Amino acid sequence: MNLHTCILIGLLGSIAMFMGDMFLYYDRKDYDKKDKINSIVEIMKNLGTKRLYLGGILGPLGSFLYLLGFYHMVLASQEKFLNLAWILFLINSFGIIFGGAYHLQFAYLGLLSRHEGKEAFDEFLKFLKFQAKLVFGFMGLGNLGLAIMILFGLTIFPSWQVLLTPLVLITLTPLLGKLPRGLHMIICGGWFNLIYFIYYLSLFINHTNMNL
């Protein structure tokens, strides 16, 4: 698998996972910014089960595509930094495997919310929050390493590319709260995957131009 193909697969992974987010909890009325998780649960409680099934399944599928896409770290690395690239590839891979499982759990959350048994629901929600720490812990560490590699010229990409890495783009999150209703639901609801969409799209365009 060459670098161009690898980047394209990562781009498809971001689209698949984003679509999973939208199937799981998109609603034109948006969610309550001050109580996000409970507001999203209320949305999912009223969705059709088939929509939740589809939204949940897109998580592991997107995760698999992401994992293949992360191999671009190895392919784009300068040869003498190949070992570091492999380490970062593995860290990000662990993170996105947990991420696919975390995404799938939201379908369960929506399905459980429509049945009696608050204690079971609360216990499940507690475990979901624990999973979130694993996902963002691994991904944060992996993205920090990726940004450092690009910034200090350890890859074939120019240093300015660091501005479009997930680590930098995630800092824009506080600004999203000012988006109008509707657009806010789409952007914030799938923000993590939109970050990767922007990143992979920029890599795809950059690498295409490099080969012209």
N, C-alpha and C. Protein backbone atom coordinates (compact mmCIF):
# COMPACT_ATOMS: atom_id res chain seq x y z
N MET A 1 0.85 -1.20 0.00
CA MET A 1 0.00 0.00 0.00
C MET A 1 0.88 1.25 0.00
N ASN A 2 0.67 2.12 -0.98
CA ASN A 2 1.48 3.33 -1.05
C ASN A 2 0.89 4.45 -0.18
N LEU A 3 1.66 5.52 -0.05
CA LEU A 3 1.26 6.61 0.84
C LEU A 3 -0.03 7.28 0.39
N HIS A 4 -0.19 7.49 -0.91
CA HIS A 4 -1.38 8.16 -1.42
C HIS A 4 -2.64 7.35 -1.07
N THR A 5 -2.57 6.05 -1.29
CA THR A 5 -3.71 5.18 -0.98
C THR A 5 -4.00 5.17 0.50
N CYS A 6 -2.95 5.13 1.30
CA CYS A 6 -3.08 5.11 2.75
C CYS A 6 -3.80 6.36 3.27
N ILE A 7 -3.42 7.51 2.74
CA ILE A 7 -4.05 8.77 3.13
C ILE A 7 -5.53 8.77 2.73
N LEU A 8 -5.81 8.27 1.54
CA LEU A 8 -7.19 8.22 1.06
C LEU A 8 -8.05 7.32 1.95
N ILE A 9 -7.50 6.20 2.38
CA ILE A 9 -8.23 5.29 3.27
C ILE A 9 -8.52 5.97 4.60
N GLY A 10 -7.54 6.71 5.12
CA GLY A 10 -7.77 7.47 6.36
C GLY A 10 -8.87 8.49 6.20
N LEU A 11 -8.92 9.14 5.02
CA LEU A 11 -9.97 10.11 4.72
C LEU A 11 -11.34 9.44 4.71
N LEU A 12 -11.42 8.26 4.12
CA LEU A 12 -12.67 7.50 4.10
C LEU A 12 -13.08 7.08 5.51
N GLY A 13 -12.09 6.77 6.35
CA GLY A 13 -12.37 6.42 7.74
C GLY A 13 -13.03 7.56 8.49
N SER A 14 -12.53 8.78 8.26
CA SER A 14 -13.11 9.95 8.94
C SER A 14 -14.55 10.18 8.48
N ILE A 15 -14.82 9.94 7.20
CA ILE A 15 -16.18 10.12 6.66
C ILE A 15 -17.12 9.07 7.26
N ALA A 16 -16.66 7.81 7.31
CA ALA A 16 -17.49 6.73 7.84
C ALA A 16 -17.84 6.97 9.31
N MET A 17 -16.85 7.37 10.11
CA MET A 17 -17.10 7.59 11.53
C MET A 17 -17.98 8.82 11.74
N PHE A 18 -17.79 9.84 10.92
CA PHE A 18 -18.63 11.04 11.00
C PHE A 18 -20.08 10.69 10.69
N MET A 19 -20.30 9.90 9.65
CA MET A 19 -21.65 9.49 9.31
C MET A 19 -22.26 8.67 10.45
N GLY A 20 -21.44 7.87 11.12
CA GLY A 20 -21.91 7.12 12.28
C GLY A 20 -22.39 8.06 13.38
N ASP A 21 -21.64 9.14 13.62
CA ASP A 21 -22.07 10.13 14.61
C ASP A 21 -23.42 10.72 14.25
N MET A 22 -23.59 11.06 12.98
CA MET A 22 -24.83 11.70 12.55
C MET A 22 -26.02 10.74 12.65
N PHE A 23 -25.82 9.49 12.30
CA PHE A 23 -26.90 8.51 12.43
C PHE A 23 -27.28 8.31 13.90
N LEU A 24 -26.29 8.36 14.78
CA LEU A 24 -26.55 8.10 16.20
C LEU A 24 -27.31 9.22 16.90
N TYR A 25 -26.94 10.47 16.62
CA TYR A 25 -27.59 11.51 17.43
C TYR A 25 -27.82 12.85 16.73
N TYR A 26 -27.81 12.88 15.39
CA TYR A 26 -28.14 14.15 14.75
C TYR A 26 -29.61 14.48 14.97
N ASP A 27 -29.87 15.74 15.30
CA ASP A 27 -31.24 16.22 15.46
C ASP A 27 -31.27 17.70 15.10
N ARG A 28 -32.24 18.11 14.30
CA ARG A 28 -32.32 19.51 13.86
C ARG A 28 -32.45 20.49 15.02
N LYS A 29 -33.01 20.00 16.13
CA LYS A 29 -33.20 20.89 17.28
C LYS A 29 -31.92 21.07 18.08
N ASP A 30 -30.86 20.31 17.72
CA ASP A 30 -29.57 20.41 18.40
C ASP A 30 -29.65 19.81 19.81
N TYR A 31 -28.54 19.85 20.51
CA TYR A 31 -28.51 19.35 21.88
C TYR A 31 -28.15 20.48 22.84
N ASP A 32 -28.40 20.26 24.09
CA ASP A 32 -28.12 21.26 25.12
C ASP A 32 -26.60 21.30 25.37
N LYS A 33 -25.98 22.43 25.09
CA LYS A 33 -24.53 22.55 25.23
C LYS A 33 -24.07 22.39 26.67
N LYS A 34 -24.93 22.71 27.64
CA LYS A 34 -24.55 22.64 29.04
C LYS A 34 -24.69 21.23 29.62
N ASP A 35 -25.45 20.40 28.96
CA ASP A 35 -25.68 19.04 29.45
C ASP A 35 -25.64 18.09 28.26
N LYS A 36 -24.49 18.01 27.60
CA LYS A 36 -24.37 17.34 26.31
C LYS A 36 -24.77 15.87 26.36
N ILE A 37 -24.19 15.10 27.27
CA ILE A 37 -24.41 13.66 27.26
C ILE A 37 -25.88 13.30 27.51
N ASN A 38 -26.50 13.93 28.50
CA ASN A 38 -27.92 13.63 28.79
C ASN A 38 -28.83 14.11 27.67
N SER A 39 -28.47 15.23 27.05
CA SER A 39 -29.25 15.76 25.95
C SER A 39 -29.17 14.82 24.74
N ILE A 40 -27.98 14.27 24.48
CA ILE A 40 -27.80 13.33 23.37
C ILE A 40 -28.55 12.03 23.64
N VAL A 41 -28.55 11.60 24.90
CA VAL A 41 -29.30 10.39 25.27
C VAL A 41 -30.78 10.58 24.98
N GLU A 42 -31.31 11.77 25.29
CA GLU A 42 -32.72 12.06 25.02
C GLU A 42 -33.02 12.01 23.53
N ILE A 43 -32.07 12.47 22.71
CA ILE A 43 -32.24 12.41 21.26
C ILE A 43 -32.30 10.95 20.80
N MET A 44 -31.33 10.16 21.27
CA MET A 44 -31.23 8.76 20.83
C MET A 44 -32.41 7.93 21.31
N LYS A 45 -32.98 8.32 22.43
CA LYS A 45 -34.12 7.58 22.99
C LYS A 45 -35.30 7.57 22.02
N ASN A 46 -35.39 8.60 21.19
CA ASN A 46 -36.54 8.73 20.29
C ASN A 46 -36.23 8.35 18.84
N LEU A 47 -35.01 7.84 18.60
CA LEU A 47 -34.64 7.44 17.24
C LEU A 47 -35.06 6.00 16.97
N GLY A 48 -35.21 5.66 15.69
CA GLY A 48 -35.52 4.28 15.32
C GLY A 48 -34.35 3.36 15.62
N THR A 49 -34.64 2.13 15.98
CA THR A 49 -33.58 1.19 16.34
C THR A 49 -32.65 0.89 15.16
N LYS A 50 -33.20 0.83 13.94
CA LYS A 50 -32.36 0.55 12.78
C LYS A 50 -31.34 1.66 12.56
N ARG A 51 -31.75 2.89 12.84
CA ARG A 51 -30.81 4.01 12.70
C ARG A 51 -29.69 3.89 13.73
N LEU A 52 -30.02 3.48 14.95
CA LEU A 52 -28.99 3.29 15.97
C LEU A 52 -28.08 2.13 15.61
N TYR A 53 -28.65 1.05 15.07
CA TYR A 53 -27.82 -0.08 14.64
C TYR A 53 -26.80 0.37 13.61
N LEU A 54 -27.27 1.09 12.59
CA LEU A 54 -26.39 1.55 11.52
C LEU A 54 -25.33 2.51 12.05
N GLY A 55 -25.75 3.45 12.89
CA GLY A 55 -24.80 4.40 13.46
C GLY A 55 -23.73 3.71 14.28
N GLY A 56 -24.12 2.70 15.04
CA GLY A 56 -23.16 1.97 15.86
C GLY A 56 -22.18 1.17 15.02
N ILE A 57 -22.68 0.47 14.01
CA ILE A 57 -21.83 -0.39 13.16
C ILE A 57 -20.79 0.42 12.39
N LEU A 58 -21.14 1.65 12.02
CA LEU A 58 -20.19 2.50 11.29
C LEU A 58 -18.96 2.84 12.13
N GLY A 59 -19.07 2.71 13.46
CA GLY A 59 -17.93 2.99 14.34
C GLY A 59 -16.77 2.03 14.11
N PRO A 60 -16.97 0.72 14.27
CA PRO A 60 -15.89 -0.23 14.02
C PRO A 60 -15.38 -0.20 12.57
N LEU A 61 -16.30 0.02 11.62
CA LEU A 61 -15.87 0.12 10.22
C LEU A 61 -14.94 1.31 10.03
N GLY A 62 -15.35 2.47 10.56
CA GLY A 62 -14.51 3.66 10.47
C GLY A 62 -13.19 3.47 11.19
N SER A 63 -13.24 2.77 12.33
CA SER A 63 -12.04 2.50 13.11
C SER A 63 -11.03 1.68 12.31
N PHE A 64 -11.52 0.67 11.58
CA PHE A 64 -10.64 -0.16 10.76
C PHE A 64 -9.98 0.67 9.66
N LEU A 65 -10.78 1.53 9.01
CA LEU A 65 -10.23 2.38 7.95
C LEU A 65 -9.23 3.38 8.51
N TYR A 66 -9.54 3.94 9.67
CA TYR A 66 -8.61 4.85 10.34
C TYR A 66 -7.28 4.15 10.60
N LEU A 67 -7.37 2.91 11.12
CA LEU A 67 -6.16 2.17 11.47
C LEU A 67 -5.26 2.01 10.25
N LEU A 68 -5.84 1.64 9.11
CA LEU A 68 -5.06 1.53 7.88
C LEU A 68 -4.50 2.89 7.48
N GLY A 69 -5.30 3.93 7.67
CA GLY A 69 -4.85 5.28 7.33
C GLY A 69 -3.69 5.75 8.18
N PHE A 70 -3.65 5.32 9.44
CA PHE A 70 -2.57 5.75 10.33
C PHE A 70 -1.20 5.22 9.89
N TYR A 71 -1.21 4.24 9.01
CA TYR A 71 0.06 3.70 8.51
C TYR A 71 0.82 4.75 7.70
N HIS A 72 0.13 5.83 7.35
CA HIS A 72 0.83 6.90 6.62
C HIS A 72 1.97 7.48 7.44
N MET A 73 1.88 7.35 8.77
CA MET A 73 2.95 7.86 9.63
C MET A 73 4.26 7.14 9.34
N VAL A 74 4.16 5.84 9.08
CA VAL A 74 5.35 5.03 8.77
C VAL A 74 5.84 5.33 7.36
N LEU A 75 4.92 5.37 6.40
CA LEU A 75 5.29 5.59 5.01
C LEU A 75 5.86 6.99 4.76
N ALA A 76 5.40 7.97 5.54
CA ALA A 76 5.86 9.36 5.33
C ALA A 76 7.07 9.72 6.18
N SER A 77 7.50 8.81 7.03
CA SER A 77 8.61 9.11 7.94
C SER A 77 9.95 9.12 7.21
N GLN A 78 10.84 10.01 7.67
CA GLN A 78 12.22 9.94 7.22
C GLN A 78 12.81 8.63 7.74
N GLU A 79 13.66 8.00 6.95
CA GLU A 79 14.11 6.63 7.26
C GLU A 79 14.73 6.49 8.64
N LYS A 80 15.50 7.46 9.08
CA LYS A 80 16.18 7.32 10.36
C LYS A 80 15.25 7.50 11.56
N PHE A 81 14.00 7.93 11.29
CA PHE A 81 13.02 8.08 12.37
C PHE A 81 11.89 7.05 12.24
N LEU A 82 12.17 5.98 11.52
CA LEU A 82 11.17 4.96 11.25
C LEU A 82 10.67 4.27 12.52
N ASN A 83 11.55 4.02 13.46
CA ASN A 83 11.14 3.36 14.71
C ASN A 83 10.15 4.22 15.50
N LEU A 84 10.40 5.52 15.54
CA LEU A 84 9.48 6.44 16.22
C LEU A 84 8.12 6.44 15.50
N ALA A 85 8.15 6.42 14.19
CA ALA A 85 6.90 6.39 13.42
C ALA A 85 6.10 5.13 13.71
N TRP A 86 6.78 4.00 13.83
CA TRP A 86 6.09 2.75 14.16
C TRP A 86 5.45 2.81 15.54
N ILE A 87 6.16 3.39 16.49
CA ILE A 87 5.62 3.53 17.86
C ILE A 87 4.36 4.37 17.85
N LEU A 88 4.40 5.49 17.12
CA LEU A 88 3.24 6.38 17.04
C LEU A 88 2.09 5.72 16.29
N PHE A 89 2.42 4.94 15.28
CA PHE A 89 1.38 4.20 14.55
C PHE A 89 0.66 3.24 15.50
N LEU A 90 1.41 2.53 16.33
CA LEU A 90 0.82 1.57 17.26
C LEU A 90 -0.01 2.27 18.34
N ILE A 91 0.49 3.40 18.85
CA ILE A 91 -0.26 4.16 19.87
C ILE A 91 -1.59 4.64 19.29
N ASN A 92 -1.55 5.22 18.10
CA ASN A 92 -2.77 5.70 17.46
C ASN A 92 -3.71 4.54 17.11
N SER A 93 -3.13 3.41 16.75
CA SER A 93 -3.95 2.24 16.43
C SER A 93 -4.70 1.74 17.66
N PHE A 94 -4.01 1.67 18.80
CA PHE A 94 -4.68 1.29 20.04
C PHE A 94 -5.81 2.28 20.34
N GLY A 95 -5.51 3.56 20.17
CA GLY A 95 -6.51 4.58 20.46
C GLY A 95 -7.75 4.45 19.60
N ILE A 96 -7.56 4.19 18.30
CA ILE A 96 -8.72 4.14 17.40
C ILE A 96 -9.47 2.82 17.54
N ILE A 97 -8.80 1.75 17.98
CA ILE A 97 -9.51 0.50 18.29
C ILE A 97 -10.47 0.74 19.46
N PHE A 98 -9.95 1.37 20.50
CA PHE A 98 -10.82 1.74 21.63
C PHE A 98 -11.89 2.72 21.16
N GLY A 99 -11.53 3.61 20.20
CA GLY A 99 -12.47 4.59 19.69
C GLY A 99 -13.64 3.96 18.97
N GLY A 100 -13.37 2.91 18.18
CA GLY A 100 -14.44 2.21 17.48
C GLY A 100 -15.40 1.55 18.46
N ALA A 101 -14.81 0.95 19.52
CA ALA A 101 -15.64 0.33 20.56
C ALA A 101 -16.47 1.38 21.30
N TYR A 102 -15.83 2.51 21.60
CA TYR A 102 -16.51 3.61 22.29
C TYR A 102 -17.69 4.12 21.47
N HIS A 103 -17.46 4.28 20.19
CA HIS A 103 -18.53 4.74 19.28
C HIS A 103 -19.70 3.76 19.29
N LEU A 104 -19.39 2.47 19.19
CA LEU A 104 -20.43 1.44 19.16
C LEU A 104 -21.26 1.46 20.44
N GLN A 105 -20.63 1.76 21.57
CA GLN A 105 -21.34 1.77 22.85
C GLN A 105 -22.45 2.82 22.88
N PHE A 106 -22.34 3.86 22.05
CA PHE A 106 -23.39 4.87 22.03
C PHE A 106 -24.70 4.31 21.48
N ALA A 107 -24.59 3.34 20.59
CA ALA A 107 -25.81 2.68 20.12
C ALA A 107 -26.48 1.95 21.28
N TYR A 108 -25.68 1.25 22.10
CA TYR A 108 -26.22 0.59 23.29
C TYR A 108 -26.85 1.60 24.24
N LEU A 109 -26.18 2.75 24.37
CA LEU A 109 -26.68 3.79 25.27
C LEU A 109 -28.07 4.24 24.83
N GLY A 110 -28.25 4.43 23.53
CA GLY A 110 -29.55 4.84 23.01
C GLY A 110 -30.61 3.76 23.18
N LEU A 111 -30.21 2.51 23.01
CA LEU A 111 -31.16 1.40 23.14
C LEU A 111 -31.55 1.17 24.60
N LEU A 112 -30.59 1.25 25.50
CA LEU A 112 -30.87 1.03 26.92
C LEU A 112 -31.72 2.16 27.51
N SER A 113 -31.56 3.36 26.97
CA SER A 113 -32.25 4.52 27.54
C SER A 113 -33.76 4.42 27.45
N ARG A 114 -34.27 3.58 26.55
CA ARG A 114 -35.72 3.47 26.38
C ARG A 114 -36.32 2.35 27.21
N HIS A 115 -35.52 1.74 28.09
CA HIS A 115 -36.01 0.66 28.95
C HIS A 115 -35.83 1.02 30.43
N GLU A 116 -36.56 0.35 31.27
CA GLU A 116 -36.43 0.56 32.71
C GLU A 116 -35.10 -0.01 33.21
N GLY A 117 -34.63 0.48 34.31
CA GLY A 117 -33.38 -0.02 34.90
C GLY A 117 -32.34 1.06 34.98
N LYS A 118 -32.61 2.08 35.80
CA LYS A 118 -31.70 3.22 35.90
C LYS A 118 -30.32 2.83 36.42
N GLU A 119 -30.29 1.88 37.38
CA GLU A 119 -29.00 1.48 37.95
C GLU A 119 -28.10 0.87 36.89
N ALA A 120 -28.66 0.00 36.04
CA ALA A 120 -27.88 -0.63 34.97
C ALA A 120 -27.42 0.43 33.96
N PHE A 121 -28.31 1.37 33.65
CA PHE A 121 -27.97 2.43 32.71
C PHE A 121 -26.84 3.30 33.26
N ASP A 122 -26.93 3.68 34.51
CA ASP A 122 -25.89 4.51 35.12
C ASP A 122 -24.55 3.80 35.18
N GLU A 123 -24.58 2.48 35.44
CA GLU A 123 -23.35 1.70 35.49
C GLU A 123 -22.70 1.63 34.11
N PHE A 124 -23.54 1.46 33.10
CA PHE A 124 -23.05 1.43 31.73
C PHE A 124 -22.46 2.79 31.34
N LEU A 125 -23.12 3.87 31.71
CA LEU A 125 -22.65 5.21 31.40
C LEU A 125 -21.31 5.48 32.08
N LYS A 126 -21.14 4.96 33.27
CA LYS A 126 -19.88 5.11 34.00
C LYS A 126 -18.74 4.43 33.24
N PHE A 127 -19.01 3.23 32.73
CA PHE A 127 -18.01 2.50 31.95
C PHE A 127 -17.71 3.23 30.64
N LEU A 128 -18.72 3.83 30.03
CA LEU A 128 -18.54 4.57 28.79
C LEU A 128 -17.60 5.75 29.00
N LYS A 129 -17.74 6.43 30.12
CA LYS A 129 -16.87 7.56 30.43
C LYS A 129 -15.44 7.10 30.67
N PHE A 130 -15.29 5.90 31.24
CA PHE A 130 -13.95 5.33 31.44
C PHE A 130 -13.32 5.03 30.08
N GLN A 131 -14.11 4.50 29.15
CA GLN A 131 -13.62 4.23 27.81
C GLN A 131 -13.15 5.51 27.13
N ALA A 132 -13.88 6.59 27.35
CA ALA A 132 -13.52 7.87 26.74
C ALA A 132 -12.12 8.30 27.17
N LYS A 133 -11.78 8.05 28.43
CA LYS A 133 -10.45 8.41 28.92
C LYS A 133 -9.37 7.62 28.21
N LEU A 134 -9.64 6.34 27.94
CA LEU A 134 -8.68 5.51 27.20
C LEU A 134 -8.50 6.02 25.78
N VAL A 135 -9.62 6.30 25.12
CA VAL A 135 -9.58 6.76 23.73
C VAL A 135 -8.79 8.06 23.60
N PHE A 136 -9.18 9.06 24.37
CA PHE A 136 -8.56 10.36 24.22
C PHE A 136 -7.15 10.41 24.82
N GLY A 137 -6.87 9.50 25.75
CA GLY A 137 -5.51 9.40 26.28
C GLY A 137 -4.54 8.89 25.22
N PHE A 138 -4.88 7.76 24.60
CA PHE A 138 -4.04 7.19 23.54
C PHE A 138 -3.94 8.12 22.35
N MET A 139 -5.09 8.65 21.92
CA MET A 139 -5.10 9.51 20.73
C MET A 139 -4.36 10.82 20.98
N GLY A 140 -4.49 11.35 22.18
CA GLY A 140 -3.79 12.58 22.51
C GLY A 140 -2.28 12.39 22.46
N LEU A 141 -1.82 11.27 23.03
CA LEU A 141 -0.38 10.97 23.02
C LEU A 141 0.12 10.75 21.60
N GLY A 142 -0.65 9.99 20.83
CA GLY A 142 -0.26 9.72 19.45
C GLY A 142 -0.23 10.97 18.59
N ASN A 143 -1.21 11.85 18.79
CA ASN A 143 -1.27 13.09 18.01
C ASN A 143 -0.18 14.08 18.41
N LEU A 144 0.20 14.05 19.67
CA LEU A 144 1.32 14.89 20.11
C LEU A 144 2.59 14.47 19.39
N GLY A 145 2.83 13.16 19.35
CA GLY A 145 4.01 12.66 18.66
C GLY A 145 3.99 12.96 17.18
N LEU A 146 2.82 12.82 16.56
CA LEU A 146 2.68 13.11 15.13
C LEU A 146 2.98 14.57 14.83
N ALA A 147 2.43 15.47 15.65
CA ALA A 147 2.66 16.90 15.45
C ALA A 147 4.14 17.25 15.59
N ILE A 148 4.81 16.62 16.55
CA ILE A 148 6.24 16.86 16.76
C ILE A 148 7.05 16.39 15.55
N MET A 149 6.68 15.21 15.03
CA MET A 149 7.39 14.68 13.86
C MET A 149 7.27 15.61 12.66
N ILE A 150 6.08 16.11 12.42
CA ILE A 150 5.87 17.00 11.26
C ILE A 150 6.55 18.35 11.49
N LEU A 151 6.40 18.89 12.69
CA LEU A 151 6.96 20.21 13.00
C LEU A 151 8.47 20.24 12.84
N PHE A 152 9.14 19.19 13.27
CA PHE A 152 10.61 19.17 13.23
C PHE A 152 11.19 18.46 12.00
N GLY A 153 10.34 18.29 10.97
CA GLY A 153 10.84 17.78 9.70
C GLY A 153 11.25 16.32 9.70
N LEU A 154 10.59 15.51 10.53
CA LEU A 154 10.93 14.09 10.58
C LEU A 154 10.12 13.28 9.57
N THR A 155 9.25 13.98 8.81
CA THR A 155 8.47 13.33 7.75
C THR A 155 8.76 14.02 6.43
N ILE A 156 8.15 13.54 5.37
CA ILE A 156 8.35 14.17 4.06
C ILE A 156 7.51 15.42 3.89
N PHE A 157 6.60 15.67 4.84
CA PHE A 157 5.71 16.82 4.72
C PHE A 157 6.36 18.08 5.28
N PRO A 158 6.00 19.26 4.74
CA PRO A 158 6.57 20.52 5.24
C PRO A 158 6.11 20.81 6.67
N SER A 159 6.90 21.56 7.39
CA SER A 159 6.62 21.84 8.80
C SER A 159 5.30 22.56 9.02
N TRP A 160 4.87 23.38 8.04
CA TRP A 160 3.62 24.13 8.21
C TRP A 160 2.41 23.20 8.29
N GLN A 161 2.58 21.95 7.83
CA GLN A 161 1.48 20.98 7.86
C GLN A 161 1.01 20.72 9.29
N VAL A 162 1.87 21.04 10.27
CA VAL A 162 1.51 20.83 11.67
C VAL A 162 0.27 21.63 12.05
N LEU A 163 0.03 22.75 11.35
CA LEU A 163 -1.13 23.60 11.65
C LEU A 163 -2.45 22.89 11.37
N LEU A 164 -2.42 21.83 10.57
CA LEU A 164 -3.63 21.10 10.21
C LEU A 164 -3.66 19.70 10.83
N THR A 165 -2.81 19.48 11.82
CA THR A 165 -2.82 18.20 12.53
C THR A 165 -3.94 18.23 13.58
N PRO A 166 -4.44 17.05 13.97
CA PRO A 166 -5.51 16.99 14.99
C PRO A 166 -5.16 17.72 16.28
N LEU A 167 -3.89 17.66 16.70
CA LEU A 167 -3.50 18.29 17.96
C LEU A 167 -3.74 19.79 17.92
N VAL A 168 -3.48 20.43 16.79
CA VAL A 168 -3.67 21.88 16.66
C VAL A 168 -5.14 22.21 16.42
N LEU A 169 -5.80 21.44 15.56
CA LEU A 169 -7.20 21.72 15.23
C LEU A 169 -8.12 21.57 16.45
N ILE A 170 -7.77 20.67 17.36
CA ILE A 170 -8.62 20.45 18.54
C ILE A 170 -8.68 21.70 19.42
N THR A 171 -7.68 22.58 19.31
CA THR A 171 -7.68 23.81 20.11
C THR A 171 -8.76 24.79 19.67
N LEU A 172 -9.35 24.55 18.50
CA LEU A 172 -10.43 25.42 18.01
C LEU A 172 -11.78 25.07 18.63
N THR A 173 -11.84 23.98 19.37
CA THR A 173 -13.10 23.49 19.93
C THR A 173 -13.90 24.55 20.67
N PRO A 174 -13.28 25.39 21.55
CA PRO A 174 -14.09 26.40 22.27
C PRO A 174 -14.84 27.36 21.36
N LEU A 175 -14.34 27.57 20.14
CA LEU A 175 -14.99 28.51 19.22
C LEU A 175 -16.28 27.95 18.64
N LEU A 176 -16.43 26.63 18.68
CA LEU A 176 -17.57 25.99 18.04
C LEU A 176 -18.89 26.29 18.75
N GLY A 177 -18.81 26.65 20.03
CA GLY A 177 -20.02 26.94 20.78
C GLY A 177 -20.77 28.14 20.25
N LYS A 178 -20.12 28.95 19.43
CA LYS A 178 -20.76 30.14 18.88
C LYS A 178 -21.48 29.88 17.56
N LEU A 179 -21.38 28.64 17.07
CA LEU A 179 -22.05 28.30 15.81
C LEU A 179 -23.56 28.32 15.98
N PRO A 180 -24.29 28.67 14.92
CA PRO A 180 -25.76 28.68 15.01
C PRO A 180 -26.33 27.28 15.12
N ARG A 181 -27.52 27.18 15.68
CA ARG A 181 -28.20 25.90 15.83
C ARG A 181 -28.33 25.21 14.48
N GLY A 182 -28.19 23.94 14.46
CA GLY A 182 -28.22 23.18 13.22
C GLY A 182 -26.80 22.91 12.74
N LEU A 183 -26.09 23.99 12.41
CA LEU A 183 -24.69 23.86 12.02
C LEU A 183 -23.87 23.38 13.23
N HIS A 184 -24.23 23.89 14.40
CA HIS A 184 -23.56 23.48 15.63
C HIS A 184 -23.70 21.98 15.85
N MET A 185 -24.89 21.45 15.59
CA MET A 185 -25.14 20.02 15.79
C MET A 185 -24.25 19.18 14.88
N ILE A 186 -24.10 19.61 13.63
CA ILE A 186 -23.31 18.86 12.66
C ILE A 186 -21.81 18.95 12.98
N ILE A 187 -21.34 20.18 13.19
CA ILE A 187 -19.91 20.39 13.40
C ILE A 187 -19.46 19.83 14.75
N CYS A 188 -20.17 20.20 15.81
CA CYS A 188 -19.78 19.74 17.15
C CYS A 188 -20.07 18.25 17.34
N GLY A 189 -21.19 17.78 16.78
CA GLY A 189 -21.55 16.38 16.93
C GLY A 189 -20.54 15.44 16.31
N GLY A 190 -19.86 15.89 15.25
CA GLY A 190 -18.87 15.04 14.60
C GLY A 190 -17.49 15.67 14.56
N TRP A 191 -17.21 16.57 15.50
CA TRP A 191 -16.00 17.39 15.45
C TRP A 191 -14.72 16.56 15.42
N PHE A 192 -14.64 15.53 16.25
CA PHE A 192 -13.42 14.73 16.31
C PHE A 192 -13.10 14.15 14.93
N ASN A 193 -14.11 13.66 14.24
CA ASN A 193 -13.88 13.07 12.92
C ASN A 193 -13.71 14.13 11.84
N LEU A 194 -14.33 15.28 12.00
CA LEU A 194 -14.11 16.38 11.05
C LEU A 194 -12.67 16.88 11.13
N ILE A 195 -12.10 16.84 12.33
CA ILE A 195 -10.69 17.21 12.50
C ILE A 195 -9.80 16.31 11.64
N TYR A 196 -10.07 15.01 11.71
CA TYR A 196 -9.28 14.07 10.92
C TYR A 196 -9.58 14.20 9.42
N PHE A 197 -10.81 14.55 9.08
CA PHE A 197 -11.16 14.79 7.68
C PHE A 197 -10.31 15.93 7.12
N ILE A 198 -10.23 17.03 7.88
CA ILE A 198 -9.43 18.18 7.46
C ILE A 198 -7.96 17.79 7.33
N TYR A 199 -7.47 17.05 8.32
CA TYR A 199 -6.07 16.62 8.32
C TYR A 199 -5.75 15.75 7.10
N TYR A 200 -6.55 14.69 6.89
CA TYR A 200 -6.28 13.78 5.78
C TYR A 200 -6.49 14.45 4.42
N LEU A 201 -7.49 15.32 4.34
CA LEU A 201 -7.71 16.03 3.08
C LEU A 201 -6.51 16.92 2.75
N SER A 202 -5.97 17.60 3.76
CA SER A 202 -4.80 18.45 3.53
C SER A 202 -3.59 17.61 3.12
N LEU A 203 -3.43 16.43 3.73
CA LEU A 203 -2.33 15.54 3.34
C LEU A 203 -2.51 15.07 1.90
N PHE A 204 -3.74 14.73 1.56
CA PHE A 204 -4.04 14.22 0.20
C PHE A 204 -3.71 15.28 -0.84
N ILE A 205 -4.14 16.52 -0.60
CA ILE A 205 -3.89 17.61 -1.54
C ILE A 205 -2.38 17.89 -1.61
N ASN A 206 -1.75 17.94 -0.45
CA ASN A 206 -0.31 18.22 -0.38
C ASN A 206 0.51 17.17 -1.09
N HIS A 207 0.17 15.91 -0.83
CA HIS A 207 0.93 14.81 -1.45
C HIS A 207 0.69 14.76 -2.95
N THR A 208 -0.52 15.08 -3.39
CA THR A 208 -0.82 15.14 -4.82
C THR A 208 0.02 16.20 -5.50
N ASN A 209 0.11 17.38 -4.87
CA ASN A 209 0.90 18.47 -5.44
C ASN A 209 2.39 18.14 -5.46
N MET A 210 2.84 17.38 -4.46
CA MET A 210 4.25 17.00 -4.39
C MET A 210 4.64 16.07 -5.54
N ASN A 211 3.65 15.32 -6.03
CA ASN A 211 3.92 14.36 -7.09
C ASN A 211 3.66 14.88 -8.49
N LEU A 212 3.20 16.14 -8.59
CA LEU A 212 2.96 16.73 -9.91
C LEU A 212 4.27 17.10 -10.60
